[in-house]
Amino acid sequence: MRIMEVVPGLEALAAGASLAAGGLLAWSVRGRTAQVFGASVWRGSVENPAVALTFDDGPSESTPQLLEVLERHRAKATFFMCGRNARRCPAIARQVCAAGHEIGNHTETHPRFDFKSPGFILREMAAAQKSIVEITGATPRWFRAPYGVRWYGVGAAQKRLGLTGVMWTAIGRDWRWPGERVAARLLAAASNGAIFCLHDGRTMQARPDIRATLDAVGQVIPQLRDQGFEFVTVGQLLRPCPV
């Protein structure tokens, strides 16, 4: 006779415990406030009227268009670069740095980390760090996991490479939505210390279409400026007085 048949309710209790454990793991992997798999931030101080625009998956052949928009609005941002994309577009990677923007680590080839080994995770992060330093001369201090997925080994790799994880206050879904909808999502989430996640690339794709991103950024910056917000890098946002 099975134990579940002898003890009433034990099967339901076990199922509930399993669901709870699964929920905790899911939050640990993708929850923006989770610290289980390494030190991470998702916003800056609420005392200062500043927000940080961040861009993932680049650099790409489309990034210069975004740099023009940021320059036109005199806004600084943080670019989480993939090492392989930086090697494909080295002049553009250097252009991002020359414009005064901050560079972060977004792995070498943009893999999902769930169910990957700690060794694989370290190799991806270390390879990106090496590529970015060699190409731009900038040493990233910030790391964003592809798809926002953290896993066992990320924390150790961050410590070894001197990186702090960065999630986001709001993600624009600019790879899927039109610019107007992306802008509306970010404007609704705007608050002191907010970190916005957008994309100047589309994983490893060459010549990606980032028109939605360009449109959204062109709408968000002037509207938030009118509300008194400044646009700073993640590093500046996390200082005691970023503006």
C-alpha atoms as a PDB file:
ATOM      1  CA  MET A   1       0.000   0.000   0.000  1.00  0.00           C
ATOM      2  CA  ARG A   2       1.302   3.428  -0.935  1.00  0.00           C
ATOM      3  CA  ILE A   3       2.050   5.953   1.816  1.00  0.00           C
ATOM      4  CA  MET A   4      -0.175   8.444  -0.025  1.00  0.00           C
ATOM      5  CA  GLU A   5      -3.128   6.053   0.520  1.00  0.00           C
ATOM      6  CA  VAL A   6      -2.394   5.649   4.244  1.00  0.00           C
ATOM      7  CA  VAL A   7      -1.963   9.325   5.154  1.00  0.00           C
ATOM      8  CA  PRO A   8      -4.948  11.427   4.013  1.00  0.00           C
ATOM      9  CA  GLY A   9      -3.998  14.637   2.220  1.00  0.00           C
ATOM     10  CA  LEU A  10      -0.304  13.740   1.945  1.00  0.00           C
ATOM     11  CA  GLU A  11      -0.432  13.561  -1.856  1.00  0.00           C
ATOM     12  CA  ALA A  12      -1.986  17.021  -2.071  1.00  0.00           C
ATOM     13  CA  LEU A  13       0.579  18.338   0.406  1.00  0.00           C
ATOM     14  CA  ALA A  14       3.444  16.932  -1.662  1.00  0.00           C
ATOM     15  CA  ALA A  15       1.991  18.425  -4.824  1.00  0.00           C
ATOM     16  CA  GLY A  16       1.680  21.804  -3.121  1.00  0.00           C
ATOM     17  CA  ALA A  17       5.254  21.661  -1.899  1.00  0.00           C
ATOM     18  CA  SER A  18       6.436  20.802  -5.394  1.00  0.00           C
ATOM     19  CA  LEU A  19       4.551  23.754  -6.860  1.00  0.00           C
ATOM     20  CA  ALA A  20       5.961  26.082  -4.218  1.00  0.00           C
ATOM     21  CA  ALA A  21       9.500  24.889  -4.891  1.00  0.00           C
ATOM     22  CA  GLY A  22       8.974  25.386  -8.614  1.00  0.00           C
ATOM     23  CA  GLY A  23       7.668  28.892  -8.026  1.00  0.00           C
ATOM     24  CA  LEU A  24      10.664  29.773  -5.864  1.00  0.00           C
ATOM     25  CA  LEU A  25      13.059  28.501  -8.513  1.00  0.00           C
ATOM     26  CA  ALA A  26      11.259  30.457 -11.258  1.00  0.00           C
ATOM     27  CA  TRP A  27      11.492  33.651  -9.187  1.00  0.00           C
ATOM     28  CA  SER A  28      15.175  32.998  -8.438  1.00  0.00           C
ATOM     29  CA  VAL A  29      15.899  32.575 -12.156  1.00  0.00           C
ATOM     30  CA  ARG A  30      13.977  35.553 -13.565  1.00  0.00           C
ATOM     31  CA  GLY A  31      12.642  37.614 -10.669  1.00  0.00           C
ATOM     32  CA  ARG A  32      13.978  41.147 -10.987  1.00  0.00           C
ATOM     33  CA  THR A  33      14.585  41.463  -7.231  1.00  0.00           C
ATOM     34  CA  ALA A  34      16.108  37.987  -6.815  1.00  0.00           C
ATOM     35  CA  GLN A  35      19.621  37.697  -5.397  1.00  0.00           C
ATOM     36  CA  VAL A  36      19.788  33.889  -5.208  1.00  0.00           C
ATOM     37  CA  PHE A  37      22.136  33.453  -8.177  1.00  0.00           C
ATOM     38  CA  GLY A  38      24.320  36.508  -7.579  1.00  0.00           C
ATOM     39  CA  ALA A  39      24.249  40.161  -6.573  1.00  0.00           C
ATOM     40  CA  SER A  40      21.861  42.075  -8.796  1.00  0.00           C
ATOM     41  CA  VAL A  41      20.121  45.452  -9.033  1.00  0.00           C
ATOM     42  CA  TRP A  42      16.912  46.444 -10.777  1.00  0.00           C
ATOM     43  CA  ARG A  43      16.639  50.137  -9.938  1.00  0.00           C
ATOM     44  CA  GLY A  44      18.606  53.024  -8.476  1.00  0.00           C
ATOM     45  CA  SER A  45      17.859  55.483  -5.704  1.00  0.00           C
ATOM     46  CA  VAL A  46      14.302  56.785  -5.543  1.00  0.00           C
ATOM     47  CA  GLU A  47      15.606  60.085  -4.190  1.00  0.00           C
ATOM     48  CA  ASN A  48      16.892  61.355  -7.532  1.00  0.00           C
ATOM     49  CA  PRO A  49      14.860  62.211 -10.683  1.00  0.00           C
ATOM     50  CA  ALA A  50      17.004  60.075 -12.976  1.00  0.00           C
ATOM     51  CA  VAL A  51      16.457  57.000 -15.133  1.00  0.00           C
ATOM     52  CA  ALA A  52      18.834  54.711 -17.042  1.00  0.00           C
ATOM     53  CA  LEU A  53      18.249  53.571 -20.599  1.00  0.00           C
ATOM     54  CA  THR A  54      19.944  50.246 -21.275  1.00  0.00           C
ATOM     55  CA  PHE A  55      20.307  48.437 -24.598  1.00  0.00           C
ATOM     56  CA  ASP A  56      20.987  44.715 -25.010  1.00  0.00           C
ATOM     57  CA  ASP A  57      22.224  42.406 -27.785  1.00  0.00           C
ATOM     58  CA  GLY A  58      24.423  44.876 -29.656  1.00  0.00           C
ATOM     59  CA  PRO A  59      26.417  46.256 -31.098  1.00  0.00           C
ATOM     60  CA  SER A  60      24.820  45.841 -34.492  1.00  0.00           C
ATOM     61  CA  GLU A  61      24.906  47.577 -37.832  1.00  0.00           C
ATOM     62  CA  SER A  62      21.781  49.430 -36.639  1.00  0.00           C
ATOM     63  CA  THR A  63      23.369  50.823 -33.460  1.00  0.00           C
ATOM     64  CA  PRO A  64      24.686  54.037 -35.108  1.00  0.00           C
ATOM     65  CA  GLN A  65      21.080  55.103 -35.763  1.00  0.00           C
ATOM     66  CA  LEU A  66      20.387  54.791 -32.046  1.00  0.00           C
ATOM     67  CA  LEU A  67      23.550  56.718 -31.210  1.00  0.00           C
ATOM     68  CA  GLU A  68      22.288  59.549 -33.401  1.00  0.00           C
ATOM     69  CA  VAL A  69      18.990  59.667 -31.489  1.00  0.00           C
ATOM     70  CA  LEU A  70      20.779  59.697 -28.134  1.00  0.00           C
ATOM     71  CA  GLU A  71      23.166  62.402 -29.309  1.00  0.00           C
ATOM     72  CA  ARG A  72      20.318  64.523 -30.590  1.00  0.00           C
ATOM     73  CA  HIS A  73      18.662  64.367 -27.175  1.00  0.00           C
ATOM     74  CA  ARG A  74      21.953  64.616 -25.234  1.00  0.00           C
ATOM     75  CA  ALA A  75      21.224  61.384 -23.349  1.00  0.00           C
ATOM     76  CA  LYS A  76      23.698  58.817 -22.055  1.00  0.00           C
ATOM     77  CA  ALA A  77      22.944  55.104 -21.803  1.00  0.00           C
ATOM     78  CA  THR A  78      24.416  51.710 -20.930  1.00  0.00           C
ATOM     79  CA  PHE A  79      24.952  49.158 -23.708  1.00  0.00           C
ATOM     80  CA  PHE A  80      25.091  45.492 -22.699  1.00  0.00           C
ATOM     81  CA  MET A  81      27.169  44.040 -25.528  1.00  0.00           C
ATOM     82  CA  CYS A  82      27.526  40.484 -26.780  1.00  0.00           C
ATOM     83  CA  GLY A  83      31.180  39.663 -27.404  1.00  0.00           C
ATOM     84  CA  ARG A  84      30.565  38.038 -30.772  1.00  0.00           C
ATOM     85  CA  ASN A  85      28.606  41.057 -31.989  1.00  0.00           C
ATOM     86  CA  ALA A  86      31.386  43.366 -30.812  1.00  0.00           C
ATOM     87  CA  ARG A  87      33.845  41.302 -32.840  1.00  0.00           C
ATOM     88  CA  ARG A  88      31.564  41.492 -35.888  1.00  0.00           C
ATOM     89  CA  CYS A  89      31.115  45.262 -35.521  1.00  0.00           C
ATOM     90  CA  PRO A  90      34.305  46.488 -33.796  1.00  0.00           C
ATOM     91  CA  ALA A  91      34.171  50.030 -35.188  1.00  0.00           C
ATOM     92  CA  ILE A  92      30.597  50.420 -33.955  1.00  0.00           C
ATOM     93  CA  ALA A  93      31.494  49.051 -30.523  1.00  0.00           C
ATOM     94  CA  ARG A  94      34.231  51.665 -30.278  1.00  0.00           C
ATOM     95  CA  GLN A  95      31.806  54.318 -31.520  1.00  0.00           C
ATOM     96  CA  VAL A  96      29.524  53.567 -28.568  1.00  0.00           C
ATOM     97  CA  CYS A  97      32.416  54.161 -26.172  1.00  0.00           C
ATOM     98  CA  ALA A  98      33.605  57.279 -27.983  1.00  0.00           C
ATOM     99  CA  ALA A  99      30.124  58.773 -27.573  1.00  0.00           C
ATOM    100  CA  GLY A 100      30.492  58.511 -23.801  1.00  0.00           C
ATOM    101  CA  HIS A 101      28.138  55.631 -23.168  1.00  0.00           C
ATOM    102  CA  GLU A 102      28.750  52.860 -20.640  1.00  0.00           C
ATOM    103  CA  ILE A 103      29.466  49.264 -21.673  1.00  0.00           C
ATOM    104  CA  GLY A 104      28.137  46.156 -19.942  1.00  0.00           C
ATOM    105  CA  ASN A 105      28.626  42.414 -20.442  1.00  0.00           C
ATOM    106  CA  HIS A 106      25.801  40.433 -22.110  1.00  0.00           C
ATOM    107  CA  THR A 107      27.750  37.176 -22.706  1.00  0.00           C
ATOM    108  CA  GLU A 108      29.667  36.115 -25.783  1.00  0.00           C
ATOM    109  CA  THR A 109      26.921  34.377 -27.807  1.00  0.00           C
ATOM    110  CA  HIS A 110      23.625  35.199 -26.004  1.00  0.00           C
ATOM    111  CA  PRO A 111      22.649  31.720 -24.715  1.00  0.00           C
ATOM    112  CA  ARG A 112      19.990  30.979 -22.118  1.00  0.00           C
ATOM    113  CA  PHE A 113      21.722  29.968 -18.893  1.00  0.00           C
ATOM    114  CA  ASP A 114      19.072  27.721 -17.352  1.00  0.00           C
ATOM    115  CA  PHE A 115      20.292  24.133 -17.037  1.00  0.00           C
ATOM    116  CA  LYS A 116      23.807  25.110 -18.218  1.00  0.00           C
ATOM    117  CA  SER A 117      26.881  24.171 -16.179  1.00  0.00           C
ATOM    118  CA  PRO A 118      28.805  26.713 -14.082  1.00  0.00           C
ATOM    119  CA  GLY A 119      31.766  26.139 -16.397  1.00  0.00           C
ATOM    120  CA  PHE A 120      29.736  27.010 -19.473  1.00  0.00           C
ATOM    121  CA  ILE A 121      28.378  30.145 -17.778  1.00  0.00           C
ATOM    122  CA  LEU A 122      31.844  31.325 -16.747  1.00  0.00           C
ATOM    123  CA  ARG A 123      33.243  30.745 -20.238  1.00  0.00           C
ATOM    124  CA  GLU A 124      30.446  32.781 -21.847  1.00  0.00           C
ATOM    125  CA  MET A 125      30.852  35.679 -19.450  1.00  0.00           C
ATOM    126  CA  ALA A 126      34.654  35.639 -19.495  1.00  0.00           C
ATOM    127  CA  ALA A 127      34.784  35.452 -23.294  1.00  0.00           C
ATOM    128  CA  ALA A 128      32.519  38.491 -23.588  1.00  0.00           C
ATOM    129  CA  GLN A 129      34.591  40.395 -21.053  1.00  0.00           C
ATOM    130  CA  LYS A 130      37.738  39.611 -23.063  1.00  0.00           C
ATOM    131  CA  SER A 131      36.146  40.573 -26.393  1.00  0.00           C
ATOM    132  CA  ILE A 132      34.809  43.872 -25.078  1.00  0.00           C
ATOM    133  CA  VAL A 133      38.068  44.890 -23.419  1.00  0.00           C
ATOM    134  CA  GLU A 134      40.153  43.999 -26.474  1.00  0.00           C
ATOM    135  CA  ILE A 135      37.892  45.853 -28.888  1.00  0.00           C
ATOM    136  CA  THR A 136      36.816  48.918 -26.894  1.00  0.00           C
ATOM    137  CA  GLY A 137      39.386  49.243 -24.124  1.00  0.00           C
ATOM    138  CA  ALA A 138      36.506  49.473 -21.623  1.00  0.00           C
ATOM    139  CA  THR A 139      36.210  46.961 -18.788  1.00  0.00           C
ATOM    140  CA  PRO A 140      32.546  46.215 -18.012  1.00  0.00           C
ATOM    141  CA  ARG A 141      31.411  46.414 -14.393  1.00  0.00           C
ATOM    142  CA  TRP A 142      27.816  45.379 -15.065  1.00  0.00           C
ATOM    143  CA  PHE A 143      26.333  42.122 -16.349  1.00  0.00           C
ATOM    144  CA  ARG A 144      22.927  41.322 -17.757  1.00  0.00           C
ATOM    145  CA  ALA A 145      22.033  37.705 -18.410  1.00  0.00           C
ATOM    146  CA  PRO A 146      20.401  36.966 -21.774  1.00  0.00           C
ATOM    147  CA  TYR A 147      16.622  36.795 -21.409  1.00  0.00           C
ATOM    148  CA  GLY A 148      17.108  37.822 -17.773  1.00  0.00           C
ATOM    149  CA  VAL A 149      17.805  34.166 -16.905  1.00  0.00           C
ATOM    150  CA  ARG A 150      20.218  33.571 -14.012  1.00  0.00           C
ATOM    151  CA  TRP A 151      21.383  30.103 -12.931  1.00  0.00           C
ATOM    152  CA  TYR A 152      23.784  28.241 -10.659  1.00  0.00           C
ATOM    153  CA  GLY A 153      27.279  29.572 -11.335  1.00  0.00           C
ATOM    154  CA  VAL A 154      26.321  33.130 -12.327  1.00  0.00           C
ATOM    155  CA  GLY A 155      27.163  34.533  -8.885  1.00  0.00           C
ATOM    156  CA  ALA A 156      30.593  32.893  -8.810  1.00  0.00           C
ATOM    157  CA  ALA A 157      31.351  34.092 -12.333  1.00  0.00           C
ATOM    158  CA  GLN A 158      30.291  37.636 -11.449  1.00  0.00           C
ATOM    159  CA  LYS A 159      32.616  37.658  -8.438  1.00  0.00           C
ATOM    160  CA  ARG A 160      35.515  36.281 -10.457  1.00  0.00           C
ATOM    161  CA  LEU A 161      35.055  38.880 -13.215  1.00  0.00           C
ATOM    162  CA  GLY A 162      34.211  41.828 -10.966  1.00  0.00           C
ATOM    163  CA  LEU A 163      30.659  42.172 -12.283  1.00  0.00           C
ATOM    164  CA  THR A 164      27.323  43.083 -10.714  1.00  0.00           C
ATOM    165  CA  GLY A 165      24.110  41.815 -12.241  1.00  0.00           C
ATOM    166  CA  VAL A 166      21.589  44.290 -13.636  1.00  0.00           C
ATOM    167  CA  MET A 167      17.938  43.461 -14.246  1.00  0.00           C
ATOM    168  CA  TRP A 168      15.372  46.158 -15.032  1.00  0.00           C
ATOM    169  CA  THR A 169      12.453  48.129 -13.684  1.00  0.00           C
ATOM    170  CA  ALA A 170      10.627  47.743 -17.015  1.00  0.00           C
ATOM    171  CA  ILE A 171      11.428  45.953 -20.266  1.00  0.00           C
ATOM    172  CA  GLY A 172      10.156  47.513 -23.484  1.00  0.00           C
ATOM    173  CA  ARG A 173       9.486  44.373 -25.582  1.00  0.00           C
ATOM    174  CA  ASP A 174      10.830  46.385 -28.496  1.00  0.00           C
ATOM    175  CA  TRP A 175      11.683  43.223 -30.422  1.00  0.00           C
ATOM    176  CA  ARG A 176       7.950  42.508 -30.668  1.00  0.00           C
ATOM    177  CA  TRP A 177       5.878  45.672 -30.205  1.00  0.00           C
ATOM    178  CA  PRO A 178       5.622  48.878 -32.274  1.00  0.00           C
ATOM    179  CA  GLY A 179       7.403  51.953 -30.969  1.00  0.00           C
ATOM    180  CA  GLU A 180       4.295  53.693 -29.669  1.00  0.00           C
ATOM    181  CA  ARG A 181       3.336  50.735 -27.493  1.00  0.00           C
ATOM    182  CA  VAL A 182       6.923  50.344 -26.235  1.00  0.00           C
ATOM    183  CA  ALA A 183       7.052  54.028 -25.322  1.00  0.00           C
ATOM    184  CA  ALA A 184       3.726  53.829 -23.486  1.00  0.00           C
ATOM    185  CA  ARG A 185       4.982  50.885 -21.428  1.00  0.00           C
ATOM    186  CA  LEU A 186       8.127  52.719 -20.372  1.00  0.00           C
ATOM    187  CA  LEU A 187       6.370  56.003 -19.665  1.00  0.00           C
ATOM    188  CA  ALA A 188       3.898  54.190 -17.403  1.00  0.00           C
ATOM    189  CA  ALA A 189       6.798  52.644 -15.456  1.00  0.00           C
ATOM    190  CA  ALA A 190       8.861  55.823 -15.166  1.00  0.00           C
ATOM    191  CA  SER A 191       9.906  56.723 -11.638  1.00  0.00           C
ATOM    192  CA  ASN A 192      13.023  57.913  -9.839  1.00  0.00           C
ATOM    193  CA  GLY A 193      15.801  55.352 -10.284  1.00  0.00           C
ATOM    194  CA  ALA A 194      14.094  53.317 -13.007  1.00  0.00           C
ATOM    195  CA  ILE A 195      16.187  51.096 -15.287  1.00  0.00           C
ATOM    196  CA  PHE A 196      14.676  50.509 -18.729  1.00  0.00           C
ATOM    197  CA  CYS A 197      15.662  47.529 -20.880  1.00  0.00           C
ATOM    198  CA  LEU A 198      15.611  47.958 -24.670  1.00  0.00           C
ATOM    199  CA  HIS A 199      17.638  46.443 -27.525  1.00  0.00           C
ATOM    200  CA  ASP A 200      19.970  47.762 -30.210  1.00  0.00           C
ATOM    201  CA  GLY A 201      20.404  44.251 -31.587  1.00  0.00           C
ATOM    202  CA  ARG A 202      18.379  41.089 -31.978  1.00  0.00           C
ATOM    203  CA  THR A 203      20.546  38.332 -30.448  1.00  0.00           C
ATOM    204  CA  MET A 204      23.207  37.439 -33.066  1.00  0.00           C
ATOM    205  CA  GLN A 205      21.279  38.784 -36.050  1.00  0.00           C
ATOM    206  CA  ALA A 206      23.119  40.975 -38.551  1.00  0.00           C
ATOM    207  CA  ARG A 207      21.494  44.235 -39.632  1.00  0.00           C
ATOM    208  CA  PRO A 208      18.477  43.921 -37.309  1.00  0.00           C
ATOM    209  CA  ASP A 209      15.393  46.086 -37.704  1.00  0.00           C
ATOM    210  CA  ILE A 210      15.325  48.314 -34.605  1.00  0.00           C
ATOM    211  CA  ARG A 211      12.844  50.892 -35.865  1.00  0.00           C
ATOM    212  CA  ALA A 212      10.528  50.251 -32.914  1.00  0.00           C
ATOM    213  CA  THR A 213      13.411  50.937 -30.529  1.00  0.00           C
ATOM    214  CA  LEU A 214      14.365  54.159 -32.293  1.00  0.00           C
ATOM    215  CA  ASP A 215      10.768  55.340 -32.341  1.00  0.00           C
ATOM    216  CA  ALA A 216      10.248  54.549 -28.645  1.00  0.00           C
ATOM    217  CA  VAL A 217      13.448  56.241 -27.520  1.00  0.00           C
ATOM    218  CA  GLY A 218      12.610  59.323 -29.567  1.00  0.00           C
ATOM    219  CA  GLN A 219       9.271  59.556 -27.752  1.00  0.00           C
ATOM    220  CA  VAL A 220      10.354  58.655 -24.224  1.00  0.00           C
ATOM    221  CA  ILE A 221      13.313  60.990 -23.774  1.00  0.00           C
ATOM    222  CA  PRO A 222      11.584  64.335 -24.456  1.00  0.00           C
ATOM    223  CA  GLN A 223       8.454  63.381 -22.511  1.00  0.00           C
ATOM    224  CA  LEU A 224      10.395  62.316 -19.431  1.00  0.00           C
ATOM    225  CA  ARG A 225      12.677  65.337 -19.731  1.00  0.00           C
ATOM    226  CA  ASP A 226       9.576  67.505 -19.556  1.00  0.00           C
ATOM    227  CA  GLN A 227       8.717  65.712 -16.302  1.00  0.00           C
ATOM    228  CA  GLY A 228      12.125  66.599 -14.858  1.00  0.00           C
ATOM    229  CA  PHE A 229      13.991  63.323 -15.395  1.00  0.00           C
ATOM    230  CA  GLU A 230      17.663  63.094 -16.378  1.00  0.00           C
ATOM    231  CA  PHE A 231      19.078  60.226 -18.446  1.00  0.00           C
ATOM    232  CA  VAL A 232      22.200  58.637 -16.982  1.00  0.00           C
ATOM    233  CA  THR A 233      24.193  55.416 -17.169  1.00  0.00           C
ATOM    234  CA  VAL A 234      23.642  52.542 -14.767  1.00  0.00           C
ATOM    235  CA  GLY A 235      26.898  53.440 -13.030  1.00  0.00           C
ATOM    236  CA  GLN A 236      25.764  57.010 -12.517  1.00  0.00           C
ATOM    237  CA  LEU A 237      22.300  55.929 -11.423  1.00  0.00           C
ATOM    238  CA  LEU A 238      23.720  53.803  -8.635  1.00  0.00           C
ATOM    239  CA  ARG A 239      25.938  56.518  -7.207  1.00  0.00           C
ATOM    240  CA  PRO A 240      24.615  58.442  -4.179  1.00  0.00           C
ATOM    241  CA  CYS A 241      24.102  61.566  -6.310  1.00  0.00           C
ATOM    242  CA  PRO A 242      23.773  60.517  -9.966  1.00  0.00           C
ATOM    243  CA  VAL A 243      22.567  63.852 -11.292  1.00  0.00           C
END
